[in-house]
């Protein structure tokens, strides 16, 4: 027999993980707007069918697990099958591509919305990229770079972040070049990323991300979209070598084991803690550089706390799906969309500034004048 309850149920998969806990905490602090919600947390090992179908009134499901490949796809199919919306924060490009192709048609048929890359990585870069583009004329190129002050991939990376890295081992990703998606190997493209202070400029290596799949669908003038990760030059060379070596199956499997570890071998733990605390206070930064016929515009954001920021981004997506605040257009879009199709970038960035202390701005370097400045 199915359990009955409120019509606005939000299920968080991976509730026992660091991101899942952060999402549940954010939903518990949700402002009293619109209809109340009932939050249900399920652990990361819950079967998607067994875990979702017993509950009536499920409106939204958040996949906060570190699932990869077919396991994560099974979650997406199960969510759409029950007519619920899905907020999926993973930035792993192969999965985002699956969401925007295979799952998109199923979601359209059910009239549901799938929010792809709905977190800090991918989602925030998409929002900043679109906002930077609006500060130029006829924007035709956007380059998005990320930085997380970490202690190495195994030291502080989240399970989802490690899964995203593994998804590109031994295979090319996709960059949007000359108006079409082209294969691009990890570390192949290089760029100087102009992060705002206190971070400053950093060398960055190309890591194909969600932006190449999502931004061209929102801004039709684009001809080029690439994403990068700030990394020292020597490490960038090693990254590219590792990507090339991973083309051989035995090497790829060994690298996957090294990066992912065992189910019980999580990221760095605090002494005496029973659960991992990943990127809890780590500084992060994102910069999106847009090129138009009238010059360059850069939109940047930075803050602390990878999980708390991702949870806040997930939270505003949920609020939009339930209450419709800050909509870019009347009505809720169906199918797979990015945050930039769902929410107004400036509204979201201001809201995140109030919630998690995010700082952001849009500048025109050529003019040496801020087009807009928002600081908390």
Protein backbone atom coordinates (compact mmCIF):
# COMPACT_ATOMS: atom_id res chain seq x y z
CA UNK A 1 0.00 0.00 0.00
CA UNK A 2 1.31 3.43 -0.86
CA UNK A 3 1.99 5.93 1.88
CA UNK A 4 -0.16 9.00 1.56
CA UNK A 5 0.85 12.53 2.35
CA UNK A 6 1.14 16.13 1.12
CA UNK A 7 0.91 16.80 -2.60
CA UNK A 8 4.26 18.68 -2.62
CA UNK A 9 6.76 15.99 -1.76
CA UNK A 10 10.45 16.47 -2.53
CA UNK A 11 12.59 13.32 -2.46
CA UNK A 12 16.34 13.73 -1.94
CA UNK A 13 18.35 10.71 -3.05
CA UNK A 14 21.71 10.42 -1.34
CA UNK A 15 20.45 11.96 1.88
CA UNK A 16 23.23 10.26 3.84
CA UNK A 17 25.95 12.05 1.84
CA UNK A 18 27.41 15.51 2.35
CA UNK A 19 25.51 17.08 -0.55
CA UNK A 20 22.26 15.33 0.35
CA UNK A 21 22.48 16.59 3.91
CA UNK A 22 23.15 20.12 2.68
CA UNK A 23 20.14 20.02 0.33
CA UNK A 24 17.83 18.77 3.10
CA UNK A 25 19.12 21.46 5.46
CA UNK A 26 18.46 24.15 2.84
CA UNK A 27 14.94 22.87 2.19
CA UNK A 28 14.29 22.93 5.93
CA UNK A 29 15.15 26.63 5.95
CA UNK A 30 13.02 27.37 2.87
CA UNK A 31 11.12 30.66 3.14
CA UNK A 32 7.37 30.35 3.70
CA UNK A 33 6.38 31.04 0.11
CA UNK A 34 3.83 29.12 -1.88
CA UNK A 35 2.60 25.75 -0.69
CA UNK A 36 4.43 23.84 2.08
CA UNK A 37 6.56 20.85 1.11
CA UNK A 38 7.31 17.48 2.66
CA UNK A 39 10.97 16.46 2.32
CA UNK A 40 11.86 12.75 2.21
CA UNK A 41 15.50 11.69 2.37
CA UNK A 42 16.59 8.33 0.94
CA UNK A 43 20.12 6.93 1.10
CA UNK A 44 22.33 6.61 -1.94
CA UNK A 45 21.75 2.86 -2.29
CA UNK A 46 17.95 3.08 -2.62
CA UNK A 47 16.56 1.42 -5.72
CA UNK A 48 14.91 4.20 -7.80
CA UNK A 49 11.70 2.24 -8.41
CA UNK A 50 11.39 0.84 -4.90
CA UNK A 51 12.42 4.16 -3.39
CA UNK A 52 10.06 6.44 -5.31
CA UNK A 53 6.93 4.53 -6.20
CA UNK A 54 5.65 3.91 -2.63
CA UNK A 55 5.11 7.65 -2.14
CA UNK A 56 2.14 9.59 -3.45
CA UNK A 57 2.45 13.25 -4.32
CA UNK A 58 6.14 13.27 -5.28
CA UNK A 59 6.63 16.51 -7.21
CA UNK A 60 10.42 16.77 -7.38
CA UNK A 61 13.35 14.39 -7.00
CA UNK A 62 16.93 15.58 -6.36
CA UNK A 63 19.68 13.11 -7.25
CA UNK A 64 22.39 14.05 -4.76
CA UNK A 65 24.18 10.71 -5.06
CA UNK A 66 27.51 9.91 -6.66
CA UNK A 67 25.87 7.47 -9.09
CA UNK A 68 27.37 7.23 -12.56
CA UNK A 69 26.38 5.69 -15.88
CA UNK A 70 23.41 3.36 -16.09
CA UNK A 71 22.66 3.62 -12.36
CA UNK A 72 22.09 7.36 -12.60
CA UNK A 73 20.14 6.98 -15.82
CA UNK A 74 17.82 4.52 -14.06
CA UNK A 75 17.01 7.26 -11.54
CA UNK A 76 16.13 9.72 -14.31
CA UNK A 77 13.85 7.25 -16.06
CA UNK A 78 12.10 6.33 -12.79
CA UNK A 79 11.48 9.99 -11.90
CA UNK A 80 9.99 10.84 -15.29
CA UNK A 81 7.90 7.65 -15.25
CA UNK A 82 6.03 8.81 -12.12
CA UNK A 83 5.49 12.28 -13.63
CA UNK A 84 7.83 14.11 -11.24
CA UNK A 85 10.42 16.80 -11.96
CA UNK A 86 14.14 16.00 -11.62
CA UNK A 87 16.88 18.31 -10.38
CA UNK A 88 20.22 16.69 -11.24
CA UNK A 89 23.27 18.68 -10.05
CA UNK A 90 26.00 16.51 -11.60
CA UNK A 91 28.20 18.38 -14.12
CA UNK A 92 29.45 15.15 -15.75
CA UNK A 93 29.15 15.91 -19.46
CA UNK A 94 28.27 12.39 -20.68
CA UNK A 95 25.34 12.28 -18.25
CA UNK A 96 24.20 15.82 -19.12
CA UNK A 97 24.26 14.80 -22.78
CA UNK A 98 22.05 11.81 -21.96
CA UNK A 99 19.65 14.09 -20.10
CA UNK A 100 19.44 16.53 -23.02
CA UNK A 101 18.89 13.80 -25.61
CA UNK A 102 17.40 10.52 -24.39
CA UNK A 103 15.57 11.74 -21.29
CA UNK A 104 14.41 14.98 -22.87
CA UNK A 105 11.85 13.34 -25.14
CA UNK A 106 10.48 11.19 -22.32
CA UNK A 107 10.15 14.24 -20.05
CA UNK A 108 8.36 16.18 -22.77
CA UNK A 109 5.94 13.30 -23.23
CA UNK A 110 5.13 13.33 -19.51
CA UNK A 111 5.04 17.13 -19.25
CA UNK A 112 7.81 17.19 -16.64
CA UNK A 113 10.96 19.29 -16.25
CA UNK A 114 14.48 17.93 -15.91
CA UNK A 115 17.02 20.48 -14.65
CA UNK A 116 20.45 19.41 -15.91
CA UNK A 117 23.68 20.48 -14.17
CA UNK A 118 21.61 22.19 -11.50
CA UNK A 119 24.45 22.87 -9.08
CA UNK A 120 27.56 25.00 -8.61
CA UNK A 121 29.60 23.30 -11.34
CA UNK A 122 27.84 23.62 -14.67
CA UNK A 123 24.76 25.48 -13.46
CA UNK A 124 26.45 28.52 -11.96
CA UNK A 125 28.81 28.73 -14.93
CA UNK A 126 25.83 28.65 -17.28
CA UNK A 127 24.10 31.48 -15.39
CA UNK A 128 27.25 33.62 -15.33
CA UNK A 129 27.91 32.91 -19.01
CA UNK A 130 24.47 34.09 -20.04
CA UNK A 131 24.70 37.17 -17.83
CA UNK A 132 28.11 38.09 -19.25
CA UNK A 133 26.69 37.63 -22.76
CA UNK A 134 23.92 40.15 -22.06
CA UNK A 135 26.61 42.76 -21.32
CA UNK A 136 27.93 42.43 -24.89
CA UNK A 137 26.47 42.81 -28.37
CA UNK A 138 26.03 39.71 -30.56
CA UNK A 139 27.94 37.43 -28.21
CA UNK A 140 29.51 34.58 -30.18
CA UNK A 141 31.87 32.95 -27.66
CA UNK A 142 31.76 32.08 -23.95
CA UNK A 143 34.59 30.56 -21.92
CA UNK A 144 33.81 29.37 -18.36
CA UNK A 145 36.51 28.52 -15.81
CA UNK A 146 36.26 27.02 -12.31
CA UNK A 147 38.58 26.95 -9.34
CA UNK A 148 38.25 25.09 -6.04
CA UNK A 149 40.98 25.53 -3.45
CA UNK A 150 41.33 21.81 -2.72
CA UNK A 151 43.89 19.28 -1.61
CA UNK A 152 43.73 17.06 -4.63
CA UNK A 153 40.93 15.10 -6.26
CA UNK A 154 40.83 12.36 -3.63
CA UNK A 155 41.44 14.80 -0.79
CA UNK A 156 38.43 17.09 -1.08
CA UNK A 157 36.48 16.31 -4.24
CA UNK A 158 32.86 15.28 -3.80
CA UNK A 159 31.65 11.87 -4.93
CA UNK A 160 29.83 13.58 -7.81
CA UNK A 161 32.95 15.56 -8.72
CA UNK A 162 35.07 12.43 -8.81
CA UNK A 163 32.41 10.66 -10.88
CA UNK A 164 32.40 13.61 -13.33
CA UNK A 165 36.19 13.34 -13.69
CA UNK A 166 36.04 9.58 -14.28
CA UNK A 167 33.36 10.04 -16.96
CA UNK A 168 35.94 11.74 -19.21
CA UNK A 169 38.80 9.28 -18.70
CA UNK A 170 39.95 7.68 -21.92
CA UNK A 171 37.36 9.36 -24.12
CA UNK A 172 36.94 12.80 -25.66
CA UNK A 173 34.38 15.22 -24.35
CA UNK A 174 32.57 17.82 -26.43
CA UNK A 175 33.25 21.50 -27.01
CA UNK A 176 30.97 23.81 -29.00
CA UNK A 177 33.20 25.09 -31.81
CA UNK A 178 32.20 26.91 -35.01
CA UNK A 179 28.54 26.39 -34.22
CA UNK A 180 28.65 22.63 -33.63
CA UNK A 181 29.73 20.07 -31.06
CA UNK A 182 33.25 18.79 -31.68
CA UNK A 183 35.30 16.12 -29.83
CA UNK A 184 37.85 17.58 -27.43
CA UNK A 185 40.20 15.72 -25.08
CA UNK A 186 40.62 16.73 -21.47
CA UNK A 187 43.50 19.20 -21.07
CA UNK A 188 43.69 19.88 -24.81
CA UNK A 189 42.55 23.53 -24.64
CA UNK A 190 44.39 26.04 -22.43
CA UNK A 191 43.50 29.53 -21.27
CA UNK A 192 44.35 32.26 -18.75
CA UNK A 193 41.26 32.57 -16.57
CA UNK A 194 40.71 36.04 -15.12
CA UNK A 195 39.24 35.23 -11.72
CA UNK A 196 38.37 38.22 -9.57
CA UNK A 197 40.25 39.07 -6.38
CA UNK A 198 41.20 37.57 -3.99
CA UNK A 199 41.76 34.64 -6.39
CA UNK A 200 43.33 36.43 -9.35
CA UNK A 201 44.35 35.10 -12.80
CA UNK A 202 45.11 31.39 -13.11
CA UNK A 203 46.24 29.05 -15.84
CA UNK A 204 43.31 26.80 -16.79
CA UNK A 205 43.04 23.53 -18.72
CA UNK A 206 40.06 22.52 -20.80
CA UNK A 207 37.67 20.06 -19.16
CA UNK A 208 34.56 19.62 -21.36
CA UNK A 209 31.50 20.44 -19.28
CA UNK A 210 27.77 21.01 -19.32
CA UNK A 211 28.00 24.58 -20.63
CA UNK A 212 28.81 23.42 -24.18
CA UNK A 213 25.52 21.48 -24.23
CA UNK A 214 23.26 23.97 -22.45
CA UNK A 215 24.30 27.52 -23.38
CA UNK A 216 23.88 27.25 -27.19
CA UNK A 217 20.27 26.18 -26.64
CA UNK A 218 19.64 29.44 -24.75
CA UNK A 219 21.75 31.87 -26.81
CA UNK A 220 21.51 31.20 -30.54
CA UNK A 221 24.27 33.65 -31.54
CA UNK A 222 26.95 31.50 -29.92
CA UNK A 223 29.61 29.87 -32.06
CA UNK A 224 32.03 28.73 -29.35
CA UNK A 225 31.55 27.46 -25.77
CA UNK A 226 34.31 25.87 -23.70
CA UNK A 227 34.83 25.14 -20.01
CA UNK A 228 38.05 24.89 -17.99
CA UNK A 229 39.45 24.08 -14.57
CA UNK A 230 42.16 26.23 -12.99
CA UNK A 231 45.29 24.13 -12.60
CA UNK A 232 49.03 24.69 -12.56
CA UNK A 233 50.76 24.26 -15.93
CA UNK A 234 52.72 21.18 -14.81
CA UNK A 235 49.56 19.52 -13.51
CA UNK A 236 47.74 20.40 -16.72
CA UNK A 237 50.40 18.50 -18.67
CA UNK A 238 49.96 15.50 -16.36
CA UNK A 239 46.18 15.76 -16.73
CA UNK A 240 46.46 15.58 -20.50
CA UNK A 241 48.90 12.66 -20.30
CA UNK A 242 46.58 10.81 -17.94
CA UNK A 243 43.66 11.39 -20.28
CA UNK A 244 45.64 9.98 -23.21
CA UNK A 245 46.88 6.98 -21.20
CA UNK A 246 43.32 6.19 -20.11
CA UNK A 247 42.42 5.33 -23.70
CA UNK A 248 43.74 1.84 -22.87
CA UNK A 249 41.19 -0.16 -20.92
CA UNK A 250 43.52 -1.60 -18.20
CA UNK A 251 44.92 1.86 -17.47
CA UNK A 252 41.45 3.41 -17.44
CA UNK A 253 40.15 0.86 -14.93
CA UNK A 254 43.09 1.43 -12.62
CA UNK A 255 42.60 5.20 -12.78
CA UNK A 256 38.90 4.79 -12.06
CA UNK A 257 39.70 2.78 -8.94
CA UNK A 258 42.24 5.38 -7.82
CA UNK A 259 39.82 8.28 -8.31
CA UNK A 260 36.59 6.70 -7.13
CA UNK A 261 37.99 4.48 -4.38
CA UNK A 262 35.82 1.92 -2.65
CA UNK A 263 32.30 2.72 -1.39
CA UNK A 264 33.71 3.17 2.12
CA UNK A 265 36.76 5.12 1.01
CA UNK A 266 35.27 8.59 0.94
CA UNK A 267 36.97 11.99 0.80
CA UNK A 268 38.87 13.49 3.71
CA UNK A 269 37.17 12.98 7.08
CA UNK A 270 37.43 15.08 10.16
CA UNK A 271 39.07 13.29 13.03
CA UNK A 272 36.38 11.44 14.93
CA UNK A 273 33.62 12.24 12.41
CA UNK A 274 31.44 9.40 11.17
CA UNK A 275 30.66 11.01 7.80
CA UNK A 276 32.89 12.85 5.34
CA UNK A 277 32.96 16.64 5.22
CA UNK A 278 33.94 17.57 1.69
CA UNK A 279 34.80 21.07 0.55
CA UNK A 280 32.97 22.38 3.62
CA UNK A 281 34.87 25.65 3.80
CA UNK A 282 36.86 25.45 0.55
CA UNK A 283 37.03 28.64 -1.48
CA UNK A 284 35.57 28.33 -4.96
CA UNK A 285 35.47 30.74 -7.89
CA UNK A 286 33.86 30.86 -11.32
CA UNK A 287 34.45 33.30 -14.16
CA UNK A 288 32.63 33.42 -17.50
CA UNK A 289 34.15 35.48 -20.29
CA UNK A 290 31.83 36.50 -23.14
CA UNK A 291 33.06 37.86 -26.47
CA UNK A 292 30.84 40.08 -28.60
CA UNK A 293 31.23 42.50 -31.47
CA UNK A 294 31.77 45.34 -28.98
CA UNK A 295 34.37 43.62 -26.81
CA UNK A 296 34.61 41.38 -23.77
CA UNK A 297 32.52 41.10 -20.63
CA UNK A 298 33.34 38.96 -17.61
CA UNK A 299 30.88 37.72 -15.02
CA UNK A 300 32.44 36.27 -11.89
CA UNK A 301 31.34 34.78 -8.61
CA UNK A 302 33.16 33.39 -5.62
CA UNK A 303 32.44 32.14 -2.15
CA UNK A 304 33.11 29.33 0.31
CA UNK A 305 31.55 25.92 0.78
CA UNK A 306 31.09 23.72 -2.26
CA UNK A 307 28.19 21.70 -0.87
CA UNK A 308 26.31 24.56 0.75
CA UNK A 309 26.49 26.56 -2.49
CA UNK A 310 25.41 23.62 -4.63
CA UNK A 311 22.52 22.98 -2.22
CA UNK A 312 21.46 26.62 -2.51
CA UNK A 313 21.48 26.40 -6.32
CA UNK A 314 19.41 23.20 -6.13
CA UNK A 315 17.07 25.01 -3.74
CA UNK A 316 16.34 27.91 -6.07
CA UNK A 317 15.60 25.44 -8.89
CA UNK A 318 13.12 23.65 -6.61
CA UNK A 319 11.51 26.95 -5.63
CA UNK A 320 11.09 27.86 -9.29
CA UNK A 321 9.49 24.51 -10.12
CA UNK A 322 7.08 24.75 -7.19
CA UNK A 323 6.32 28.45 -6.98
CA UNK A 324 7.36 29.97 -10.30
CA UNK A 325 9.36 32.86 -8.80
CA UNK A 326 11.82 34.71 -10.99
CA UNK A 327 10.67 32.95 -14.16
CA UNK A 328 12.31 34.03 -17.42
CA UNK A 329 9.03 33.47 -19.20
CA UNK A 330 5.49 32.68 -18.26
CA UNK A 331 4.82 29.00 -17.80
CA UNK A 332 7.17 26.21 -16.81
CA UNK A 333 9.35 24.74 -19.57
CA UNK A 334 9.11 20.98 -20.12
CA UNK A 335 11.83 18.57 -21.10
CA UNK A 336 15.49 18.93 -20.16
CA UNK A 337 16.65 22.50 -19.51
CA UNK A 338 19.53 24.32 -17.91
CA UNK A 339 19.18 26.85 -15.12
CA UNK A 340 19.55 29.74 -17.58
CA UNK A 341 16.36 28.60 -19.33
CA UNK A 342 14.54 28.34 -16.02
CA UNK A 343 15.67 31.36 -14.02
CA UNK A 344 16.85 34.92 -14.51
CA UNK A 345 20.62 34.94 -13.79
CA UNK A 346 20.73 38.25 -11.90
CA UNK A 347 17.79 37.26 -9.71
CA UNK A 348 19.42 33.93 -8.84
CA UNK A 349 22.84 35.44 -8.14
CA UNK A 350 21.34 38.09 -5.86
CA UNK A 351 19.34 35.45 -4.05
CA UNK A 352 22.40 33.23 -3.58
CA UNK A 353 24.30 36.23 -2.27
CA UNK A 354 21.71 36.58 0.46
CA UNK A 355 21.62 32.86 1.25
CA UNK A 356 25.27 31.78 1.19
CA UNK A 357 27.30 34.98 0.99
CA UNK A 358 28.16 34.56 -2.70
CA UNK A 359 29.84 37.63 -4.21
CA UNK A 360 29.44 38.42 -7.88
CA UNK A 361 29.88 41.11 -10.49
CA UNK A 362 29.86 41.78 -14.23
CA UNK A 363 32.69 43.91 -15.63
CA UNK A 364 33.77 45.25 -18.99
CA UNK A 365 37.59 45.20 -18.85
CA UNK A 366 37.92 47.46 -21.89
CA UNK A 367 35.74 50.12 -20.26
CA UNK A 368 37.28 49.61 -16.79
CA UNK A 369 33.76 50.16 -15.48
CA UNK A 370 31.52 47.60 -13.80
CA UNK A 371 28.35 47.02 -15.74
CA UNK A 372 26.82 45.94 -12.43
CA UNK A 373 28.28 45.13 -9.06
CA UNK A 374 26.61 43.01 -6.38
CA UNK A 375 28.46 42.39 -3.15
CA UNK A 376 27.23 41.16 0.16
